[in-house]
């Protein structure tokens, strides 16, 4: 890849095969920076992953200060692809950032619902969906890949292509297939 290219590594959270595939892809590609799905509030502490005493299982935790019941966490095990990517970044002195909506967005109060429709006609007009319009529902892209490969189950396809893939060859190939 050229220096201006971006690689998207689609993974299964806590998938040992995904973690091995991410490690191989990062070693092959040698990126200039690593971006990981997660809360950007944790950017300031991700460097702690370089500490030798910090060993998985570990987790990021975010909570609303005034209501600790509103919380979210991001657990990492040794076999988590995200942990492997974080460790790769800190071991190679690369910038590493989390790229998702801030965790606080999930803690915001839900918007007030509009008043219920007054008539059955209004209710029907508001309830239209793609299926009711006769349109096909959006297909699962992994199911389409599985079908193209001769599998009738997207989970089995993922297991064969990513989780059980033997090391070697082009480490970016499975990710390119998923991204395509």
N, C-alpha and C. Protein backbone atom coordinates (compact mmCIF):
# COMPACT_ATOMS: atom_id res chain seq x y z
N UNK A 1 0.83 -1.17 0.00
CA UNK A 1 0.00 0.00 0.00
C UNK A 1 0.88 1.24 0.00
N UNK A 2 0.38 2.28 -0.62
CA UNK A 2 1.11 3.54 -0.60
C UNK A 2 0.83 4.25 0.71
N UNK A 3 1.61 5.28 0.98
CA UNK A 3 1.47 5.97 2.26
C UNK A 3 0.14 6.67 2.41
N UNK A 4 -0.57 6.95 1.32
CA UNK A 4 -1.84 7.65 1.45
C UNK A 4 -3.03 6.70 1.50
N UNK A 5 -2.79 5.42 1.46
CA UNK A 5 -3.89 4.47 1.49
C UNK A 5 -4.31 4.15 2.92
N UNK A 6 -5.56 3.76 3.03
CA UNK A 6 -6.14 3.38 4.31
C UNK A 6 -6.61 1.94 4.18
N UNK A 7 -6.34 1.15 5.19
CA UNK A 7 -6.83 -0.23 5.21
C UNK A 7 -7.86 -0.34 6.31
N UNK A 8 -8.98 -0.93 5.98
CA UNK A 8 -10.04 -1.19 6.96
C UNK A 8 -9.97 -2.67 7.31
N UNK A 9 -9.74 -2.96 8.57
CA UNK A 9 -9.63 -4.34 9.00
C UNK A 9 -10.90 -4.72 9.75
N UNK A 10 -11.85 -5.29 9.03
CA UNK A 10 -13.09 -5.75 9.64
C UNK A 10 -12.80 -6.97 10.50
N UNK A 11 -13.27 -6.95 11.72
CA UNK A 11 -12.93 -8.03 12.66
C UNK A 11 -14.15 -8.51 13.43
N UNK A 12 -13.98 -9.61 14.11
CA UNK A 12 -14.97 -10.09 15.08
C UNK A 12 -14.37 -9.79 16.45
N UNK A 13 -15.12 -9.06 17.26
CA UNK A 13 -14.63 -8.74 18.61
C UNK A 13 -14.35 -10.04 19.35
N UNK A 14 -13.24 -10.10 20.02
CA UNK A 14 -12.81 -11.25 20.81
C UNK A 14 -12.64 -12.51 19.97
N UNK A 15 -12.30 -12.35 18.69
CA UNK A 15 -12.04 -13.49 17.82
C UNK A 15 -10.54 -13.76 17.76
N UNK A 16 -10.09 -14.89 18.27
CA UNK A 16 -8.65 -15.19 18.22
C UNK A 16 -8.09 -15.18 16.80
N UNK A 17 -8.86 -15.70 15.85
CA UNK A 17 -8.41 -15.67 14.46
C UNK A 17 -8.34 -14.26 13.93
N UNK A 18 -9.32 -13.44 14.31
CA UNK A 18 -9.30 -12.03 13.92
C UNK A 18 -8.08 -11.34 14.51
N UNK A 19 -7.76 -11.65 15.75
CA UNK A 19 -6.59 -11.05 16.40
C UNK A 19 -5.30 -11.44 15.67
N UNK A 20 -5.18 -12.73 15.31
CA UNK A 20 -4.00 -13.18 14.56
C UNK A 20 -3.95 -12.49 13.20
N UNK A 21 -5.10 -12.37 12.55
CA UNK A 21 -5.16 -11.74 11.23
C UNK A 21 -4.78 -10.26 11.32
N UNK A 22 -5.24 -9.57 12.36
CA UNK A 22 -4.89 -8.15 12.55
C UNK A 22 -3.39 -8.03 12.78
N UNK A 23 -2.82 -8.88 13.62
CA UNK A 23 -1.37 -8.82 13.88
C UNK A 23 -0.59 -9.02 12.58
N UNK A 24 -0.98 -10.01 11.78
CA UNK A 24 -0.29 -10.27 10.51
C UNK A 24 -0.46 -9.11 9.54
N UNK A 25 -1.67 -8.57 9.46
CA UNK A 25 -1.93 -7.46 8.54
C UNK A 25 -1.13 -6.22 8.93
N UNK A 26 -1.09 -5.90 10.23
CA UNK A 26 -0.33 -4.74 10.68
C UNK A 26 1.17 -4.92 10.43
N UNK A 27 1.67 -6.14 10.65
CA UNK A 27 3.09 -6.42 10.40
C UNK A 27 3.41 -6.29 8.91
N UNK A 28 2.49 -6.75 8.06
CA UNK A 28 2.71 -6.68 6.62
C UNK A 28 2.58 -5.24 6.12
N UNK A 29 1.57 -4.54 6.56
CA UNK A 29 1.27 -3.22 6.03
C UNK A 29 2.16 -2.13 6.63
N UNK A 30 2.49 -2.26 7.90
CA UNK A 30 3.29 -1.27 8.63
C UNK A 30 2.70 0.13 8.51
N UNK A 31 1.54 0.34 9.12
CA UNK A 31 0.86 1.64 9.01
C UNK A 31 1.59 2.75 9.75
N UNK A 32 1.21 3.99 9.42
CA UNK A 32 1.76 5.16 10.09
C UNK A 32 0.97 5.53 11.34
N UNK A 33 -0.26 5.03 11.43
CA UNK A 33 -1.13 5.31 12.57
C UNK A 33 -2.15 4.17 12.65
N UNK A 34 -2.73 3.99 13.83
CA UNK A 34 -3.72 2.94 14.04
C UNK A 34 -4.97 3.58 14.64
N UNK A 35 -6.10 3.33 14.00
CA UNK A 35 -7.39 3.83 14.47
C UNK A 35 -8.23 2.64 14.86
N UNK A 36 -8.87 2.72 16.02
CA UNK A 36 -9.60 1.58 16.58
C UNK A 36 -11.00 2.00 16.97
N UNK A 37 -11.97 1.14 16.71
CA UNK A 37 -13.34 1.42 17.13
C UNK A 37 -13.36 1.49 18.65
N UNK A 38 -13.83 2.60 19.15
CA UNK A 38 -13.90 2.78 20.60
C UNK A 38 -14.13 4.23 20.94
N UNK A 39 -14.26 4.52 22.23
CA UNK A 39 -14.61 5.88 22.66
C UNK A 39 -13.40 6.82 22.59
N UNK A 40 -13.54 7.94 21.90
CA UNK A 40 -12.41 8.87 21.79
C UNK A 40 -11.98 9.47 23.13
N UNK A 41 -12.86 9.39 24.13
CA UNK A 41 -12.47 9.86 25.46
C UNK A 41 -11.26 9.09 26.00
N UNK A 42 -11.00 7.90 25.48
CA UNK A 42 -9.89 7.07 25.97
C UNK A 42 -8.57 7.37 25.26
N UNK A 43 -8.57 8.28 24.30
CA UNK A 43 -7.32 8.61 23.60
C UNK A 43 -6.21 9.01 24.58
N UNK A 44 -6.56 9.73 25.62
CA UNK A 44 -5.58 10.22 26.58
C UNK A 44 -4.96 9.16 27.47
N UNK A 45 -5.55 7.96 27.50
CA UNK A 45 -5.01 6.91 28.38
C UNK A 45 -4.53 5.68 27.61
N UNK A 46 -4.68 5.68 26.30
CA UNK A 46 -4.32 4.48 25.53
C UNK A 46 -2.83 4.15 25.68
N UNK A 47 -2.00 5.15 25.97
CA UNK A 47 -0.57 4.91 26.16
C UNK A 47 -0.29 3.96 27.34
N UNK A 48 -1.25 3.84 28.25
CA UNK A 48 -1.07 2.93 29.39
C UNK A 48 -0.93 1.48 28.95
N UNK A 49 -1.39 1.16 27.75
CA UNK A 49 -1.25 -0.20 27.24
C UNK A 49 0.21 -0.60 27.07
N UNK A 50 1.10 0.37 27.05
CA UNK A 50 2.53 0.07 26.94
C UNK A 50 3.13 -0.40 28.26
N UNK A 51 2.41 -0.19 29.35
CA UNK A 51 2.92 -0.59 30.67
C UNK A 51 2.99 -2.11 30.76
N UNK A 52 4.12 -2.62 31.19
CA UNK A 52 4.33 -4.08 31.27
C UNK A 52 3.38 -4.73 32.29
N UNK A 53 2.97 -3.96 33.31
CA UNK A 53 2.07 -4.51 34.33
C UNK A 53 0.61 -4.53 33.91
N UNK A 54 0.29 -3.87 32.80
CA UNK A 54 -1.09 -3.85 32.33
C UNK A 54 -1.27 -5.02 31.36
N UNK A 55 -1.89 -6.09 31.87
CA UNK A 55 -2.08 -7.28 31.05
C UNK A 55 -3.57 -7.62 31.01
N UNK A 56 -4.02 -8.08 29.86
CA UNK A 56 -5.44 -8.43 29.74
C UNK A 56 -5.79 -9.59 30.65
N UNK A 57 -7.04 -9.68 31.07
CA UNK A 57 -8.16 -8.87 30.60
C UNK A 57 -8.17 -7.49 31.24
N UNK A 58 -8.44 -6.49 30.40
CA UNK A 58 -8.58 -5.10 30.83
C UNK A 58 -9.82 -4.54 30.13
N UNK A 59 -10.27 -3.38 30.59
CA UNK A 59 -11.44 -2.77 29.95
C UNK A 59 -11.39 -1.27 30.12
N UNK A 60 -11.98 -0.60 29.17
CA UNK A 60 -12.26 0.82 29.30
C UNK A 60 -13.66 0.93 29.88
N UNK A 61 -13.87 1.87 30.75
CA UNK A 61 -15.18 2.09 31.35
C UNK A 61 -15.51 3.57 31.24
N UNK A 62 -16.70 3.85 30.77
CA UNK A 62 -17.22 5.22 30.75
C UNK A 62 -18.55 5.21 31.47
N UNK A 63 -18.81 6.26 32.24
CA UNK A 63 -20.10 6.35 32.92
C UNK A 63 -20.47 7.82 33.10
N UNK A 64 -21.75 8.05 33.24
CA UNK A 64 -22.25 9.39 33.51
C UNK A 64 -21.93 9.71 34.97
N UNK A 65 -21.28 10.83 35.22
CA UNK A 65 -20.86 11.19 36.58
C UNK A 65 -22.06 11.27 37.51
N UNK A 66 -23.16 11.83 37.04
CA UNK A 66 -24.32 12.01 37.91
C UNK A 66 -25.23 10.78 37.96
N UNK A 67 -24.93 9.78 37.15
CA UNK A 67 -25.76 8.56 37.14
C UNK A 67 -24.90 7.37 36.71
N UNK A 68 -24.12 6.79 37.64
CA UNK A 68 -23.21 5.70 37.30
C UNK A 68 -23.88 4.48 36.67
N UNK A 69 -25.22 4.39 36.78
CA UNK A 69 -25.92 3.28 36.12
C UNK A 69 -25.87 3.44 34.60
N UNK A 70 -25.67 4.67 34.14
CA UNK A 70 -25.48 4.90 32.70
C UNK A 70 -24.00 4.69 32.43
N UNK A 71 -23.68 3.51 31.95
CA UNK A 71 -22.27 3.16 31.76
C UNK A 71 -22.11 2.28 30.54
N UNK A 72 -20.90 2.25 30.06
CA UNK A 72 -20.53 1.35 28.96
C UNK A 72 -19.09 0.91 29.19
N UNK A 73 -18.78 -0.27 28.74
CA UNK A 73 -17.40 -0.70 28.85
C UNK A 73 -16.98 -1.43 27.59
N UNK A 74 -15.68 -1.40 27.36
CA UNK A 74 -15.06 -2.01 26.19
C UNK A 74 -14.00 -2.98 26.72
N UNK A 75 -14.35 -4.26 26.79
CA UNK A 75 -13.40 -5.24 27.35
C UNK A 75 -12.39 -5.71 26.29
N UNK A 76 -11.19 -5.94 26.74
CA UNK A 76 -10.13 -6.45 25.87
C UNK A 76 -9.48 -7.65 26.54
N UNK A 77 -9.35 -8.70 25.76
CA UNK A 77 -8.63 -9.89 26.18
C UNK A 77 -7.36 -9.95 25.34
N UNK A 78 -6.49 -10.84 25.68
CA UNK A 78 -5.26 -11.01 24.90
C UNK A 78 -5.58 -11.34 23.44
N UNK A 79 -6.71 -12.00 23.22
CA UNK A 79 -7.09 -12.40 21.86
C UNK A 79 -8.09 -11.43 21.22
N UNK A 80 -8.20 -10.22 21.75
CA UNK A 80 -9.07 -9.21 21.14
C UNK A 80 -8.29 -8.49 20.05
N UNK A 81 -8.85 -8.42 18.84
CA UNK A 81 -8.16 -7.71 17.75
C UNK A 81 -7.84 -6.26 18.11
N UNK A 82 -8.74 -5.62 18.86
CA UNK A 82 -8.48 -4.23 19.25
C UNK A 82 -7.25 -4.13 20.14
N UNK A 83 -7.12 -5.08 21.08
CA UNK A 83 -5.96 -5.08 21.98
C UNK A 83 -4.68 -5.31 21.17
N UNK A 84 -4.74 -6.23 20.21
CA UNK A 84 -3.58 -6.50 19.36
C UNK A 84 -3.18 -5.24 18.60
N UNK A 85 -4.17 -4.51 18.08
CA UNK A 85 -3.89 -3.28 17.34
C UNK A 85 -3.30 -2.20 18.26
N UNK A 86 -3.86 -2.08 19.46
CA UNK A 86 -3.34 -1.11 20.43
C UNK A 86 -1.88 -1.44 20.76
N UNK A 87 -1.62 -2.70 21.07
CA UNK A 87 -0.25 -3.12 21.42
C UNK A 87 0.70 -2.89 20.25
N UNK A 88 0.26 -3.17 19.02
CA UNK A 88 1.11 -2.93 17.85
C UNK A 88 1.48 -1.45 17.80
N UNK A 89 0.49 -0.59 17.99
CA UNK A 89 0.74 0.85 17.92
C UNK A 89 1.72 1.31 19.00
N UNK A 90 1.49 0.90 20.25
CA UNK A 90 2.38 1.37 21.31
C UNK A 90 3.77 0.77 21.19
N UNK A 91 3.88 -0.48 20.73
CA UNK A 91 5.19 -1.11 20.57
C UNK A 91 5.99 -0.49 19.43
N UNK A 92 5.29 0.07 18.42
CA UNK A 92 5.97 0.68 17.27
C UNK A 92 5.94 2.20 17.33
N UNK A 93 5.58 2.73 18.50
CA UNK A 93 5.53 4.18 18.72
C UNK A 93 4.72 4.90 17.64
N UNK A 94 3.54 4.33 17.35
CA UNK A 94 2.63 4.91 16.36
C UNK A 94 1.50 5.64 17.05
N UNK A 95 1.00 6.69 16.42
CA UNK A 95 -0.21 7.31 16.97
C UNK A 95 -1.35 6.29 16.96
N UNK A 96 -2.11 6.25 18.03
CA UNK A 96 -3.27 5.35 18.12
C UNK A 96 -4.42 6.17 18.68
N UNK A 97 -5.55 6.09 18.00
CA UNK A 97 -6.73 6.86 18.40
C UNK A 97 -7.97 5.97 18.30
N UNK A 98 -8.95 6.29 19.13
CA UNK A 98 -10.23 5.60 19.06
C UNK A 98 -11.15 6.42 18.15
N UNK A 99 -11.88 5.71 17.31
CA UNK A 99 -12.76 6.39 16.35
C UNK A 99 -14.18 5.85 16.47
N UNK A 100 -14.95 6.51 17.24
CA UNK A 100 -16.37 6.20 17.36
C UNK A 100 -17.01 7.46 17.92
N UNK A 101 -18.31 7.47 18.02
CA UNK A 101 -18.96 8.59 18.68
C UNK A 101 -18.50 8.62 20.14
N UNK A 102 -18.41 9.79 20.72
CA UNK A 102 -18.06 9.85 22.14
C UNK A 102 -19.04 9.02 22.97
N UNK A 103 -18.52 8.39 24.00
CA UNK A 103 -19.36 7.55 24.86
C UNK A 103 -20.51 8.34 25.46
N UNK A 104 -20.29 9.60 25.73
CA UNK A 104 -21.32 10.44 26.32
C UNK A 104 -22.58 10.53 25.48
N UNK A 105 -22.47 10.33 24.18
CA UNK A 105 -23.66 10.37 23.32
C UNK A 105 -24.65 9.29 23.73
N UNK A 106 -24.14 8.17 24.15
CA UNK A 106 -25.01 7.08 24.59
C UNK A 106 -25.68 7.33 25.93
N UNK A 107 -25.17 8.31 26.67
CA UNK A 107 -25.73 8.61 27.98
C UNK A 107 -26.71 9.77 27.93
N UNK A 108 -26.81 10.42 26.79
CA UNK A 108 -27.70 11.58 26.66
C UNK A 108 -29.15 11.13 26.82
N UNK A 109 -29.98 11.98 27.38
CA UNK A 109 -31.39 11.61 27.52
C UNK A 109 -32.02 11.40 26.14
N UNK A 110 -32.92 10.46 26.06
CA UNK A 110 -33.60 10.19 24.80
C UNK A 110 -34.49 11.38 24.46
N UNK A 111 -34.57 11.71 23.16
CA UNK A 111 -35.46 12.81 22.79
C UNK A 111 -36.90 12.45 23.10
N UNK A 112 -37.68 13.45 23.46
CA UNK A 112 -39.08 13.18 23.77
C UNK A 112 -39.78 12.71 22.51
N UNK A 113 -40.60 11.68 22.68
CA UNK A 113 -41.36 11.14 21.56
C UNK A 113 -42.46 12.12 21.19
N UNK A 114 -42.75 12.21 19.87
CA UNK A 114 -43.86 13.04 19.42
C UNK A 114 -45.16 12.42 19.92
N UNK A 115 -46.15 13.20 20.00
CA UNK A 115 -47.46 12.71 20.44
C UNK A 115 -47.92 11.60 19.50
N UNK A 116 -48.66 10.65 20.03
CA UNK A 116 -49.15 9.52 19.23
C UNK A 116 -50.09 10.03 18.14
N UNK A 117 -50.10 9.36 16.97
CA UNK A 117 -51.00 9.77 15.90
C UNK A 117 -52.45 9.71 16.35
N UNK A 118 -53.24 10.64 15.85
CA UNK A 118 -54.64 10.73 16.26
C UNK A 118 -55.54 9.73 15.55
N UNK A 119 -55.21 9.39 14.31
CA UNK A 119 -56.11 8.53 13.54
C UNK A 119 -55.35 7.34 12.98
N UNK A 120 -56.09 6.34 12.57
CA UNK A 120 -55.49 5.15 11.96
C UNK A 120 -54.80 5.52 10.65
N UNK A 121 -55.35 6.50 9.90
CA UNK A 121 -54.74 6.92 8.64
C UNK A 121 -53.37 7.54 8.90
N UNK A 122 -53.27 8.38 9.94
CA UNK A 122 -51.98 8.98 10.28
C UNK A 122 -51.00 7.90 10.72
N UNK A 123 -51.48 6.94 11.50
CA UNK A 123 -50.63 5.86 11.97
C UNK A 123 -50.09 5.06 10.79
N UNK A 124 -50.95 4.74 9.83
CA UNK A 124 -50.54 3.98 8.65
C UNK A 124 -49.51 4.75 7.84
N UNK A 125 -49.71 6.05 7.67
CA UNK A 125 -48.78 6.86 6.88
C UNK A 125 -47.41 6.92 7.54
N UNK A 126 -47.38 6.96 8.85
CA UNK A 126 -46.10 7.04 9.55
C UNK A 126 -45.41 5.69 9.65
N UNK A 127 -46.12 4.59 9.48
CA UNK A 127 -45.56 3.26 9.70
C UNK A 127 -45.00 2.60 8.47
N UNK A 128 -44.93 3.31 7.34
CA UNK A 128 -44.42 2.70 6.12
C UNK A 128 -42.97 2.28 6.28
N UNK A 129 -42.64 1.10 5.78
CA UNK A 129 -41.27 0.62 5.80
C UNK A 129 -40.93 0.12 4.41
N UNK A 130 -39.66 -0.18 4.18
CA UNK A 130 -39.23 -0.68 2.87
C UNK A 130 -39.97 -1.95 2.51
N UNK A 131 -40.17 -2.83 3.50
CA UNK A 131 -40.86 -4.09 3.21
C UNK A 131 -42.31 -3.84 2.83
N UNK A 132 -42.97 -2.87 3.50
CA UNK A 132 -44.35 -2.57 3.16
C UNK A 132 -44.46 -1.93 1.78
N UNK A 133 -43.40 -1.24 1.35
CA UNK A 133 -43.39 -0.61 0.04
C UNK A 133 -43.07 -1.62 -1.06
N UNK A 134 -42.80 -2.87 -0.69
CA UNK A 134 -42.45 -3.89 -1.67
C UNK A 134 -40.96 -3.94 -1.98
N UNK A 135 -40.16 -3.07 -1.37
CA UNK A 135 -38.72 -3.08 -1.61
C UNK A 135 -38.09 -4.23 -0.82
N UNK A 136 -37.02 -4.75 -1.37
CA UNK A 136 -36.28 -5.82 -0.69
C UNK A 136 -35.53 -5.24 0.50
N UNK A 137 -35.51 -5.95 1.63
CA UNK A 137 -34.70 -5.46 2.75
C UNK A 137 -33.22 -5.50 2.36
N UNK A 138 -32.43 -4.65 2.99
CA UNK A 138 -31.00 -4.59 2.70
C UNK A 138 -30.37 -5.91 3.13
N UNK A 139 -29.56 -6.50 2.25
CA UNK A 139 -28.94 -7.80 2.52
C UNK A 139 -27.73 -7.65 3.43
N UNK A 140 -27.43 -8.68 4.18
CA UNK A 140 -26.25 -8.74 5.01
C UNK A 140 -25.04 -8.96 4.09
N UNK A 141 -24.09 -8.02 4.04
CA UNK A 141 -22.97 -8.17 3.11
C UNK A 141 -22.13 -9.41 3.38
N UNK A 142 -21.98 -9.81 4.64
CA UNK A 142 -21.22 -11.03 4.92
C UNK A 142 -21.96 -12.26 4.43
N UNK A 143 -23.29 -12.24 4.50
CA UNK A 143 -24.07 -13.36 3.98
C UNK A 143 -23.89 -13.46 2.46
N UNK A 144 -23.80 -12.32 1.80
CA UNK A 144 -23.57 -12.33 0.35
C UNK A 144 -22.19 -12.89 0.02
N UNK A 145 -21.18 -12.51 0.79
CA UNK A 145 -19.85 -13.08 0.58
C UNK A 145 -19.85 -14.58 0.82
N UNK A 146 -20.53 -15.00 1.87
CA UNK A 146 -20.61 -16.43 2.18
C UNK A 146 -21.28 -17.18 1.05
N UNK A 147 -22.38 -16.64 0.56
CA UNK A 147 -23.10 -17.29 -0.54
C UNK A 147 -22.22 -17.38 -1.78
N UNK A 148 -21.50 -16.30 -2.10
CA UNK A 148 -20.62 -16.31 -3.27
C UNK A 148 -19.52 -17.36 -3.13
N UNK A 149 -19.13 -17.64 -1.89
CA UNK A 149 -18.08 -18.64 -1.64
C UNK A 149 -18.64 -20.04 -1.49
N UNK A 150 -19.95 -20.19 -1.63
CA UNK A 150 -20.56 -21.51 -1.54
C UNK A 150 -20.99 -21.92 -0.15
N UNK A 151 -21.03 -20.99 0.80
CA UNK A 151 -21.47 -21.27 2.16
C UNK A 151 -22.92 -20.83 2.32
N UNK A 152 -23.66 -21.57 3.12
CA UNK A 152 -25.04 -21.16 3.39
C UNK A 152 -25.17 -20.45 4.73
N UNK A 153 -24.04 -20.20 5.39
CA UNK A 153 -24.06 -19.59 6.72
C UNK A 153 -22.90 -18.59 6.81
N UNK A 154 -23.23 -17.33 7.04
CA UNK A 154 -22.20 -16.29 7.11
C UNK A 154 -21.24 -16.52 8.27
N UNK A 155 -21.74 -17.04 9.39
CA UNK A 155 -20.86 -17.31 10.54
C UNK A 155 -19.82 -18.38 10.19
N UNK A 156 -20.25 -19.43 9.50
CA UNK A 156 -19.30 -20.49 9.11
C UNK A 156 -18.29 -19.94 8.12
N UNK A 157 -18.75 -19.08 7.20
CA UNK A 157 -17.84 -18.47 6.24
C UNK A 157 -16.78 -17.66 6.99
N UNK A 158 -17.21 -16.83 7.96
CA UNK A 158 -16.25 -16.03 8.73
C UNK A 158 -15.27 -16.94 9.45
N UNK A 159 -15.78 -18.00 10.04
CA UNK A 159 -14.89 -18.95 10.72
C UNK A 159 -13.83 -19.49 9.76
N UNK A 160 -14.25 -19.91 8.56
CA UNK A 160 -13.32 -20.49 7.59
C UNK A 160 -12.33 -19.47 7.04
N UNK A 161 -12.81 -18.28 6.71
CA UNK A 161 -11.99 -17.29 6.02
C UNK A 161 -11.09 -16.51 6.98
N UNK A 162 -11.58 -16.22 8.19
CA UNK A 162 -10.81 -15.37 9.10
C UNK A 162 -10.35 -16.13 10.34
N UNK A 163 -11.29 -16.69 11.08
CA UNK A 163 -10.93 -17.27 12.37
C UNK A 163 -10.01 -18.49 12.26
N UNK A 164 -10.19 -19.32 11.25
CA UNK A 164 -9.38 -20.54 11.12
C UNK A 164 -8.34 -20.44 10.03
N UNK A 165 -8.12 -19.27 9.49
CA UNK A 165 -7.18 -19.08 8.39
C UNK A 165 -5.76 -19.32 8.88
N UNK A 166 -5.04 -20.10 8.12
CA UNK A 166 -3.64 -20.38 8.46
C UNK A 166 -2.79 -19.16 8.14
N UNK A 167 -1.77 -18.91 8.95
CA UNK A 167 -0.89 -17.78 8.67
C UNK A 167 -0.17 -17.97 7.33
N UNK A 168 0.27 -16.88 6.78
CA UNK A 168 1.00 -16.93 5.52
C UNK A 168 0.21 -16.27 4.40
N UNK A 169 0.90 -16.04 3.31
CA UNK A 169 0.23 -15.39 2.18
C UNK A 169 0.00 -13.91 2.45
N UNK A 170 -0.93 -13.35 1.72
CA UNK A 170 -1.26 -11.94 1.86
C UNK A 170 -2.18 -11.75 3.06
N UNK A 171 -1.66 -11.16 4.12
CA UNK A 171 -2.44 -10.98 5.36
C UNK A 171 -3.59 -10.01 5.18
N UNK A 172 -3.52 -9.15 4.17
CA UNK A 172 -4.59 -8.18 3.95
C UNK A 172 -5.73 -8.72 3.10
N UNK A 173 -5.54 -9.88 2.47
CA UNK A 173 -6.55 -10.43 1.54
C UNK A 173 -7.93 -10.63 2.16
N UNK A 174 -8.05 -11.26 3.34
CA UNK A 174 -9.40 -11.44 3.88
C UNK A 174 -10.08 -10.10 4.20
N UNK A 175 -9.30 -9.14 4.66
CA UNK A 175 -9.86 -7.84 4.99
C UNK A 175 -10.30 -7.10 3.73
N UNK A 176 -9.55 -7.27 2.65
CA UNK A 176 -9.94 -6.65 1.37
C UNK A 176 -11.26 -7.24 0.89
N UNK A 177 -11.43 -8.56 1.07
CA UNK A 177 -12.69 -9.20 0.66
C UNK A 177 -13.86 -8.68 1.46
N UNK A 178 -13.68 -8.51 2.75
CA UNK A 178 -14.74 -8.00 3.61
C UNK A 178 -15.05 -6.55 3.27
N UNK A 179 -14.01 -5.74 3.06
CA UNK A 179 -14.22 -4.33 2.74
C UNK A 179 -14.92 -4.16 1.40
N UNK A 180 -14.58 -5.02 0.45
CA UNK A 180 -15.21 -4.94 -0.89
C UNK A 180 -16.67 -5.22 -0.81
